[in-house]
Each structure stands twice: as structure tokens, then as C-alpha cells.
Amino acid sequence: MYKDKIGNYEDFKIVGDWTRQSKMLKEKYPALVDADLKFEKGKENELLESVGIRLNKKREEVISILKKVQPITGMSI
């Protein structure tokens, strides 16, 4: 499992429409398959690990990728 420099996991939560986000990820990263993007609430770490393995990325890189497809919260339009 992935750990940060002090041995703790960085908190990461999926927000917004995961179905839409996963479609965007599959378009941008064709190596990802549905099984990699299967998500159950509360199992973010499993999702991060699966995507990280498939894309050969570290946890922090995967979090950055996922944050780019999440809706921006706290901003007024």
C-alpha cells in the first residue's frame, strides 16, 4: 500500500459523479479498464492502488490525476 513520508495515508475522497469522471479518465488514459475504475464508497485506497498499478504511477500522481476530473467545489460561477 502507498504511504506518505511520515507513514500516513493522504486522505482522498471521490466527490461528484464517478460514472462521468471514470469515462473522462478512460478517454484520457486508454490503458484503464472498467475493473480499474470500479469504485465503492469508502474504498478510495483500493481505487488509487488499482489505477496506480495500471498506469505505473505513485499514489500522489494518481490523486493528482483524479482531482483533475473532479468537480471544483466551493467556487461560485
C-alpha atoms as a PDB file:
ATOM      1  CA  MET A   1       0.000   0.000   0.000  1.00  0.00           C
ATOM      2  CA  TYR A   2       1.015   3.576  -0.527  1.00  0.00           C
ATOM      3  CA  LYS A   3       2.168   5.742   2.391  1.00  0.00           C
ATOM      4  CA  ASP A   4       3.376   9.301   2.578  1.00  0.00           C
ATOM      5  CA  LYS A   5       6.718  10.376   4.027  1.00  0.00           C
ATOM      6  CA  ILE A   6       5.575  10.004   7.629  1.00  0.00           C
ATOM      7  CA  GLY A   7       3.767   6.707   7.084  1.00  0.00           C
ATOM      8  CA  ASN A   8       0.207   8.042   6.943  1.00  0.00           C
ATOM      9  CA  TYR A   9      -2.224   7.849   4.078  1.00  0.00           C
ATOM     10  CA  GLU A  10      -3.240  11.079   2.415  1.00  0.00           C
ATOM     11  CA  ASP A  11      -6.993  11.448   2.703  1.00  0.00           C
ATOM     12  CA  PHE A  12      -8.725  11.364  -0.640  1.00  0.00           C
ATOM     13  CA  LYS A  13     -12.456  11.164  -1.258  1.00  0.00           C
ATOM     14  CA  ILE A  14     -14.340  10.826  -4.505  1.00  0.00           C
ATOM     15  CA  VAL A  15     -16.814  13.678  -4.972  1.00  0.00           C
ATOM     16  CA  GLY A  16     -19.297  14.227  -7.753  1.00  0.00           C
ATOM     17  CA  ASP A  17     -20.488  11.847 -10.449  1.00  0.00           C
ATOM     18  CA  TRP A  18     -17.995   8.977 -10.519  1.00  0.00           C
ATOM     19  CA  THR A  19     -19.530   7.483 -13.670  1.00  0.00           C
ATOM     20  CA  ARG A  20     -18.804  10.699 -15.564  1.00  0.00           C
ATOM     21  CA  GLN A  21     -15.339  11.018 -14.048  1.00  0.00           C
ATOM     22  CA  SER A  22     -14.402   7.439 -14.864  1.00  0.00           C
ATOM     23  CA  LYS A  23     -15.443   7.960 -18.507  1.00  0.00           C
ATOM     24  CA  MET A  24     -13.205  11.021 -18.676  1.00  0.00           C
ATOM     25  CA  LEU A  25     -10.315   9.034 -17.219  1.00  0.00           C
ATOM     26  CA  LYS A  26     -10.769   6.207 -19.727  1.00  0.00           C
ATOM     27  CA  GLU A  27     -10.714   8.738 -22.572  1.00  0.00           C
ATOM     28  CA  LYS A  28      -7.518  10.332 -21.310  1.00  0.00           C
ATOM     29  CA  TYR A  29      -5.864   7.064 -20.247  1.00  0.00           C
ATOM     30  CA  PRO A  30      -6.939   4.289 -22.660  1.00  0.00           C
ATOM     31  CA  ALA A  31      -4.954   1.718 -20.648  1.00  0.00           C
ATOM     32  CA  LEU A  32      -7.575   1.970 -17.888  1.00  0.00           C
ATOM     33  CA  VAL A  33     -10.374  -0.579 -17.985  1.00  0.00           C
ATOM     34  CA  ASP A  34     -13.673  -0.719 -16.110  1.00  0.00           C
ATOM     35  CA  ALA A  35     -12.210  -3.065 -13.494  1.00  0.00           C
ATOM     36  CA  ASP A  36      -9.502  -0.489 -12.661  1.00  0.00           C
ATOM     37  CA  LEU A  37     -12.126   2.183 -12.133  1.00  0.00           C
ATOM     38  CA  LYS A  38     -14.591   0.152 -10.102  1.00  0.00           C
ATOM     39  CA  PHE A  39     -15.370   2.204  -7.025  1.00  0.00           C
ATOM     40  CA  GLU A  40     -17.282   1.573  -3.837  1.00  0.00           C
ATOM     41  CA  LYS A  41     -17.811   4.346  -1.322  1.00  0.00           C
ATOM     42  CA  GLY A  42     -15.188   4.192   1.401  1.00  0.00           C
ATOM     43  CA  LYS A  43     -12.767   2.185  -0.755  1.00  0.00           C
ATOM     44  CA  GLU A  44     -10.803   5.047  -2.257  1.00  0.00           C
ATOM     45  CA  ASN A  45      -7.484   3.405  -1.363  1.00  0.00           C
ATOM     46  CA  GLU A  46      -8.329   0.341  -3.446  1.00  0.00           C
ATOM     47  CA  LEU A  47      -9.215   2.558  -6.398  1.00  0.00           C
ATOM     48  CA  LEU A  48      -5.994   4.549  -6.051  1.00  0.00           C
ATOM     49  CA  GLU A  49      -3.957   1.361  -5.909  1.00  0.00           C
ATOM     50  CA  SER A  50      -5.681  -0.179  -8.934  1.00  0.00           C
ATOM     51  CA  VAL A  51      -5.241   2.926 -11.089  1.00  0.00           C
ATOM     52  CA  GLY A  52      -1.670   3.357  -9.873  1.00  0.00           C
ATOM     53  CA  ILE A  53      -0.743  -0.178 -10.847  1.00  0.00           C
ATOM     54  CA  ARG A  54      -2.350   0.102 -14.281  1.00  0.00           C
ATOM     55  CA  LEU A  55      -0.735   3.470 -15.072  1.00  0.00           C
ATOM     56  CA  ASN A  56       2.526   2.732 -13.252  1.00  0.00           C
ATOM     57  CA  LYS A  57       2.082   5.869 -11.123  1.00  0.00           C
ATOM     58  CA  LYS A  58       2.688   6.640  -7.463  1.00  0.00           C
ATOM     59  CA  ARG A  59      -0.231   7.351  -5.138  1.00  0.00           C
ATOM     60  CA  GLU A  60       0.358  11.110  -5.205  1.00  0.00           C
ATOM     61  CA  GLU A  61       0.361  11.105  -9.011  1.00  0.00           C
ATOM     62  CA  VAL A  62      -2.894   9.135  -9.113  1.00  0.00           C
ATOM     63  CA  ILE A  63      -4.525  11.538  -6.655  1.00  0.00           C
ATOM     64  CA  SER A  64      -3.458  14.450  -8.844  1.00  0.00           C
ATOM     65  CA  ILE A  65      -4.927  12.746 -11.925  1.00  0.00           C
ATOM     66  CA  LEU A  66      -8.225  12.029 -10.175  1.00  0.00           C
ATOM     67  CA  LYS A  67      -8.513  15.539  -8.761  1.00  0.00           C
ATOM     68  CA  LYS A  68      -8.323  16.942 -12.290  1.00  0.00           C
ATOM     69  CA  VAL A  69     -11.589  15.224 -13.253  1.00  0.00           C
ATOM     70  CA  GLN A  70     -13.458  16.023 -10.040  1.00  0.00           C
ATOM     71  CA  PRO A  71     -15.802  18.991  -9.908  1.00  0.00           C
ATOM     72  CA  ILE A  72     -14.403  22.165  -8.398  1.00  0.00           C
ATOM     73  CA  THR A  73     -16.083  22.708  -5.045  1.00  0.00           C
ATOM     74  CA  GLY A  74     -16.536  25.912  -3.146  1.00  0.00           C
ATOM     75  CA  MET A  75     -16.445  28.155  -6.201  1.00  0.00           C
ATOM     76  CA  SER A  76     -19.318  30.305  -7.414  1.00  0.00           C
ATOM     77  CA  ILE A  77     -19.932  30.743 -11.088  1.00  0.00           C
END
